[in-house]
Amino acid sequence: MPFKIILYFAGLVLPFSFCMGQSDIKLIAHRGGIVDSTYTENGFPALKKAAEAGYQMIEIDIRKSKDGILLANHDPNFSRYYGFPGKVTETNWVEIQKLSSKTDQNTPLKLEDIFRFCQSNELDIMLDNKIDGLDVAIFNQLISLLDQYNLRKNALMIGTDESIEFFTGKIKLSCTRKQLEENKKRTDYNAGHYFLFERPANLNKGDVLWASNEKILVVAAINKYHYKNQTDLYKRAESDCKKMQEYGVKYFQIDSEFGQFF
């Protein structure tokens, strides 16, 4: 049985689940760790909390600065956490370093610093590529960093249409079942190049069985955004988590408030 700890902050109950005794379930911390009203997305405090809570993987949103520095930030600008409306792609790193989150005083992180943390804490990495276009130089830099910190073997990537061909065979890429069936027609197809990534609403038992037979990793996304129109999002999320586990799914990318369901 999982060992659960309930933390209380200003009257808010924040559940964290440690999958002790459930080593077959792998949790991926969405948006850079334990993210809530007290922690900034893709920040060190959130990363550290995820490591302490027993997550196996961290999902990071990757962008590049005006001067070509790879960093972690979900939004195209810095408004939401840092109160700075400038776009990531139009701001140099020297200016980005001056920003401080109004939530926890976090400063935006270089991707390399996150990779170093993951290596030190035995965490794998999932990358959400938010870099526009086909920037071969910056993508080669990304691959080199993954290799430098021994993270590429187990790394996952949510790609873009422009970058898929570059990363195919270099890192495991997210796909729908339809995309996977199309990819199987490629002469260079290899099941190890891809993973099936879907929210529960789009993932049925047949899909999971098909992927298992094809030796394709399945990752279910349990994200709050997917339940924005639900009257009781926690009840629906709990039901989805249970259903996905019954189907045989072992990897879950989750927002931290849903950790209590594992």
Protein backbone atom coordinates (compact mmCIF):
# COMPACT_ATOMS: atom_id res chain seq x y z
CA MET A 1 0.00 0.00 0.00
CA PRO A 2 1.27 3.51 -0.73
CA PHE A 3 2.40 5.58 2.22
CA LYS A 4 0.62 8.92 2.08
CA ILE A 5 1.54 12.17 3.75
CA ILE A 6 -0.89 15.08 3.99
CA LEU A 7 0.69 18.52 4.29
CA TYR A 8 -1.27 21.59 5.32
CA PHE A 9 -0.45 25.10 4.12
CA ALA A 10 -2.75 27.94 5.11
CA GLY A 11 -5.70 25.60 5.30
CA LEU A 12 -4.98 23.98 1.93
CA VAL A 13 -4.59 20.21 1.93
CA LEU A 14 -1.82 19.07 -0.39
CA PRO A 15 -1.54 15.30 -0.85
CA PHE A 16 1.74 13.64 -1.75
CA SER A 17 1.96 9.93 -2.43
CA PHE A 18 5.04 7.81 -2.06
CA CYS A 19 4.78 4.73 -4.26
CA MET A 20 6.53 2.53 -1.73
CA GLY A 21 5.80 -1.07 -2.54
CA GLN A 22 4.56 -0.05 -5.99
CA SER A 23 7.87 0.12 -7.86
CA ASP A 24 6.11 -0.85 -11.09
CA ILE A 25 4.27 2.50 -11.15
CA LYS A 26 6.41 5.38 -12.44
CA LEU A 27 5.24 8.92 -11.75
CA ILE A 28 6.33 11.83 -13.94
CA ALA A 29 6.04 15.26 -12.31
CA HIS A 30 4.27 17.59 -14.76
CA ARG A 31 5.71 21.08 -15.30
CA GLY A 32 8.88 20.53 -13.38
CA GLY A 33 7.99 19.00 -10.04
CA ILE A 34 5.59 19.50 -7.16
CA VAL A 35 3.74 22.56 -8.44
CA ASP A 36 1.06 24.30 -6.40
CA SER A 37 0.34 27.71 -4.89
CA THR A 38 3.71 27.69 -3.09
CA TYR A 39 6.06 26.47 -5.85
CA THR A 40 6.96 27.87 -9.26
CA GLU A 41 6.71 25.64 -12.32
CA ASN A 42 10.09 24.37 -13.55
CA GLY A 43 11.81 25.75 -10.44
CA PHE A 44 14.32 24.28 -8.00
CA PRO A 45 11.94 24.19 -5.00
CA ALA A 46 9.41 22.22 -7.07
CA LEU A 47 12.14 19.90 -8.35
CA LYS A 48 13.43 19.20 -4.86
CA LYS A 49 9.94 18.42 -3.56
CA ALA A 50 9.36 15.96 -6.40
CA ALA A 51 12.63 14.19 -5.62
CA GLU A 52 11.68 13.98 -1.93
CA ALA A 53 8.21 12.67 -2.81
CA GLY A 54 9.56 9.72 -4.77
CA TYR A 55 8.81 10.71 -8.36
CA GLN A 56 10.84 8.78 -10.94
CA MET A 57 10.83 11.39 -13.69
CA ILE A 58 10.49 15.16 -14.16
CA GLU A 59 8.70 16.75 -17.10
CA ILE A 60 10.35 20.01 -18.19
CA ASP A 61 9.22 22.62 -20.72
CA ILE A 62 12.19 23.66 -22.84
CA ARG A 63 12.73 26.99 -24.57
CA LYS A 64 15.71 29.05 -25.68
CA SER A 65 16.61 32.63 -24.86
CA LYS A 66 17.42 35.33 -27.41
CA ASP A 67 21.12 34.50 -27.06
CA GLY A 68 20.60 30.76 -27.43
CA ILE A 69 20.56 29.54 -23.83
CA LEU A 70 18.40 26.46 -23.21
CA LEU A 71 16.11 27.01 -20.22
CA ALA A 72 12.92 25.74 -18.61
CA ASN A 73 9.73 27.79 -18.87
CA HIS A 74 6.25 26.66 -19.81
CA ASP A 75 4.84 29.92 -21.13
CA PRO A 76 6.24 31.90 -24.10
CA ASN A 77 6.78 34.84 -21.72
CA PHE A 78 7.63 35.36 -18.04
CA SER A 79 4.43 37.12 -16.94
CA ARG A 80 2.66 34.47 -14.91
CA TYR A 81 5.31 33.79 -12.26
CA TYR A 82 7.88 36.53 -12.73
CA GLY A 83 5.71 39.54 -13.61
CA PHE A 84 7.81 40.25 -16.71
CA PRO A 85 5.93 40.34 -20.04
CA GLY A 86 9.00 39.82 -22.21
CA LYS A 87 9.06 36.78 -24.48
CA VAL A 88 11.66 34.12 -23.73
CA THR A 89 12.95 34.25 -27.30
CA GLU A 90 13.38 38.04 -27.12
CA THR A 91 15.21 38.17 -23.77
CA ASN A 92 18.92 37.55 -23.19
CA TRP A 93 20.03 35.26 -20.39
CA VAL A 94 21.69 38.08 -18.44
CA GLU A 95 18.24 39.70 -18.08
CA ILE A 96 16.45 36.43 -17.37
CA GLN A 97 18.82 35.78 -14.45
CA LYS A 98 17.53 38.93 -12.74
CA LEU A 99 13.94 37.64 -12.57
CA SER A 100 12.52 36.37 -9.30
CA SER A 101 9.27 34.45 -8.87
CA LYS A 102 6.66 36.17 -6.74
CA THR A 103 5.68 32.68 -5.53
CA ASP A 104 8.95 31.31 -4.10
CA GLN A 105 11.73 33.65 -5.31
CA ASN A 106 12.87 31.07 -7.85
CA THR A 107 14.96 32.29 -10.79
CA PRO A 108 14.44 30.66 -14.21
CA LEU A 109 16.73 27.67 -14.60
CA LYS A 110 19.11 26.68 -17.34
CA LEU A 111 18.31 23.27 -18.72
CA GLU A 112 21.80 22.11 -17.80
CA ASP A 113 21.22 22.92 -14.13
CA ILE A 114 18.07 20.80 -14.17
CA PHE A 115 19.90 17.94 -15.89
CA ARG A 116 22.64 18.11 -13.27
CA PHE A 117 20.02 17.95 -10.50
CA CYS A 118 18.29 14.99 -12.15
CA GLN A 119 21.54 13.09 -12.51
CA SER A 120 22.47 13.73 -8.87
CA ASN A 121 19.03 12.62 -7.67
CA GLU A 122 18.62 9.64 -10.04
CA LEU A 123 15.64 11.19 -11.80
CA ASP A 124 14.83 10.60 -15.45
CA ILE A 125 13.66 13.41 -17.71
CA MET A 126 10.67 14.09 -19.96
CA LEU A 127 11.06 17.08 -22.28
CA ASP A 128 8.22 19.15 -23.70
CA ASN A 129 9.86 20.82 -26.69
CA LYS A 130 8.50 24.36 -27.05
CA ILE A 131 11.23 25.61 -29.38
CA ASP A 132 9.81 26.77 -32.70
CA GLY A 133 11.15 25.53 -36.01
CA LEU A 134 14.06 23.25 -36.81
CA ASP A 135 17.04 24.65 -34.92
CA VAL A 136 19.62 21.95 -35.61
CA ALA A 137 22.39 23.67 -33.65
CA ILE A 138 20.32 24.06 -30.49
CA PHE A 139 18.86 20.54 -30.82
CA ASN A 140 22.35 19.06 -31.16
CA GLN A 141 23.27 20.99 -28.02
CA LEU A 142 20.28 19.44 -26.25
CA ILE A 143 21.32 15.91 -27.25
CA SER A 144 24.88 16.60 -26.08
CA LEU A 145 23.60 17.77 -22.69
CA LEU A 146 21.45 14.66 -22.30
CA ASP A 147 24.50 12.53 -23.04
CA GLN A 148 26.74 14.56 -20.73
CA TYR A 149 24.43 13.88 -17.78
CA ASN A 150 23.60 10.29 -18.79
CA LEU A 151 19.91 11.06 -19.23
CA ARG A 152 19.25 10.21 -22.88
CA LYS A 153 18.71 6.46 -22.50
CA ASN A 154 15.46 6.85 -20.54
CA ALA A 155 14.49 10.33 -21.76
CA LEU A 156 11.08 11.02 -23.30
CA MET A 157 10.12 13.94 -25.53
CA ILE A 158 6.88 15.61 -26.52
CA GLY A 159 7.99 16.87 -29.91
CA THR A 160 6.90 19.39 -32.53
CA ASP A 161 6.03 18.79 -36.18
CA GLU A 162 9.18 20.64 -37.25
CA SER A 163 11.55 18.68 -35.01
CA ILE A 164 10.19 15.12 -35.24
CA GLU A 165 12.47 13.97 -38.04
CA PHE A 166 15.56 15.36 -36.31
CA PHE A 167 14.82 13.62 -33.01
CA THR A 168 13.55 10.30 -34.42
CA GLY A 169 15.98 7.62 -33.31
CA LYS A 170 17.79 10.03 -30.99
CA ILE A 171 15.20 10.22 -28.21
CA LYS A 172 11.89 8.45 -27.53
CA LEU A 173 9.07 10.59 -29.01
CA SER A 174 5.41 10.90 -27.99
CA CYS A 175 2.76 9.66 -30.41
CA THR A 176 -0.93 8.89 -30.61
CA ARG A 177 -1.91 5.39 -31.69
CA LYS A 178 -2.76 6.73 -35.16
CA GLN A 179 0.69 8.28 -35.46
CA LEU A 180 2.32 5.05 -34.29
CA GLU A 181 0.45 3.02 -36.89
CA GLU A 182 1.67 5.45 -39.55
CA ASN A 183 5.23 5.29 -38.22
CA LYS A 184 5.18 1.50 -38.48
CA LYS A 185 5.18 1.96 -42.27
CA ARG A 186 8.58 3.67 -42.15
CA THR A 187 11.54 1.65 -43.34
CA ASP A 188 13.50 2.79 -40.28
CA TYR A 189 10.70 2.03 -37.79
CA ASN A 190 11.76 0.90 -34.34
CA ALA A 191 9.29 0.55 -31.45
CA GLY A 192 11.96 1.89 -29.12
CA HIS A 193 11.88 5.26 -30.87
CA TYR A 194 8.39 6.11 -29.64
CA PHE A 195 5.92 6.00 -26.75
CA LEU A 196 2.14 6.14 -26.72
CA PHE A 197 1.09 9.31 -24.87
CA GLU A 198 -2.57 10.10 -24.25
CA ARG A 199 -5.05 11.41 -21.71
CA PRO A 200 -7.41 8.72 -20.33
CA ALA A 201 -10.34 10.06 -22.37
CA ASN A 202 -8.46 9.03 -25.52
CA LEU A 203 -6.88 5.81 -24.26
CA ASN A 204 -8.81 2.55 -24.03
CA LYS A 205 -7.89 -0.95 -22.93
CA GLY A 206 -7.45 -2.05 -26.52
CA ASP A 207 -4.89 0.70 -27.12
CA VAL A 208 -2.87 -0.35 -24.08
CA LEU A 209 -2.97 -4.02 -25.09
CA TRP A 210 -1.97 -3.15 -28.66
CA ALA A 211 0.98 -1.07 -27.43
CA SER A 212 2.06 -3.86 -25.09
CA ASN A 213 2.02 -6.37 -27.93
CA GLU A 214 4.02 -3.93 -30.07
CA LYS A 215 6.57 -3.39 -27.25
CA ILE A 216 5.69 0.32 -27.07
CA LEU A 217 5.80 2.23 -23.77
CA VAL A 218 2.48 3.77 -22.68
CA VAL A 219 2.27 7.01 -20.68
CA ALA A 220 -1.07 8.35 -19.43
CA ALA A 221 -1.41 12.10 -18.83
CA ILE A 222 -3.39 13.02 -15.71
CA ASN A 223 -3.33 16.82 -15.92
CA LYS A 224 -5.69 19.29 -14.29
CA TYR A 225 -6.24 21.11 -17.59
CA HIS A 226 -7.91 18.00 -19.01
CA TYR A 227 -10.58 18.18 -16.31
CA LYS A 228 -11.31 21.91 -16.46
CA ASN A 229 -14.93 21.32 -17.44
CA GLN A 230 -15.59 18.66 -14.80
CA THR A 231 -17.76 19.54 -11.79
CA ASP A 232 -15.69 17.20 -9.60
CA LEU A 233 -12.28 16.99 -11.23
CA TYR A 234 -10.70 15.01 -8.37
CA LYS A 235 -13.34 12.30 -8.51
CA ARG A 236 -12.92 12.01 -12.27
CA ALA A 237 -9.13 12.02 -12.03
CA GLU A 238 -9.20 9.32 -9.36
CA SER A 239 -11.46 7.20 -11.53
CA ASP A 240 -9.13 7.66 -14.51
CA CYS A 241 -6.05 6.75 -12.48
CA LYS A 242 -7.71 3.56 -11.27
CA LYS A 243 -8.93 2.68 -14.76
CA MET A 244 -5.51 3.24 -16.36
CA GLN A 245 -3.83 1.04 -13.75
CA GLU A 246 -6.42 -1.68 -14.37
CA TYR A 247 -5.58 -1.46 -18.07
CA GLY A 248 -1.93 -2.07 -17.23
CA VAL A 249 -0.48 1.42 -17.64
CA LYS A 250 2.68 1.87 -15.53
CA TYR A 251 3.82 5.39 -16.44
CA PHE A 252 1.78 8.45 -15.46
CA GLN A 253 2.55 12.10 -16.14
CA ILE A 254 0.63 13.87 -13.37
CA ASP A 255 -0.02 17.20 -11.73
CA SER A 256 1.11 16.77 -8.14
CA GLU A 257 -2.37 17.05 -6.58
CA PHE A 258 -3.21 13.73 -8.22
CA GLY A 259 -0.34 11.88 -6.55
CA GLN A 260 -2.73 10.77 -3.82
CA PHE A 261 -4.35 8.34 -6.28
CA PHE A 262 -1.28 6.09 -6.54
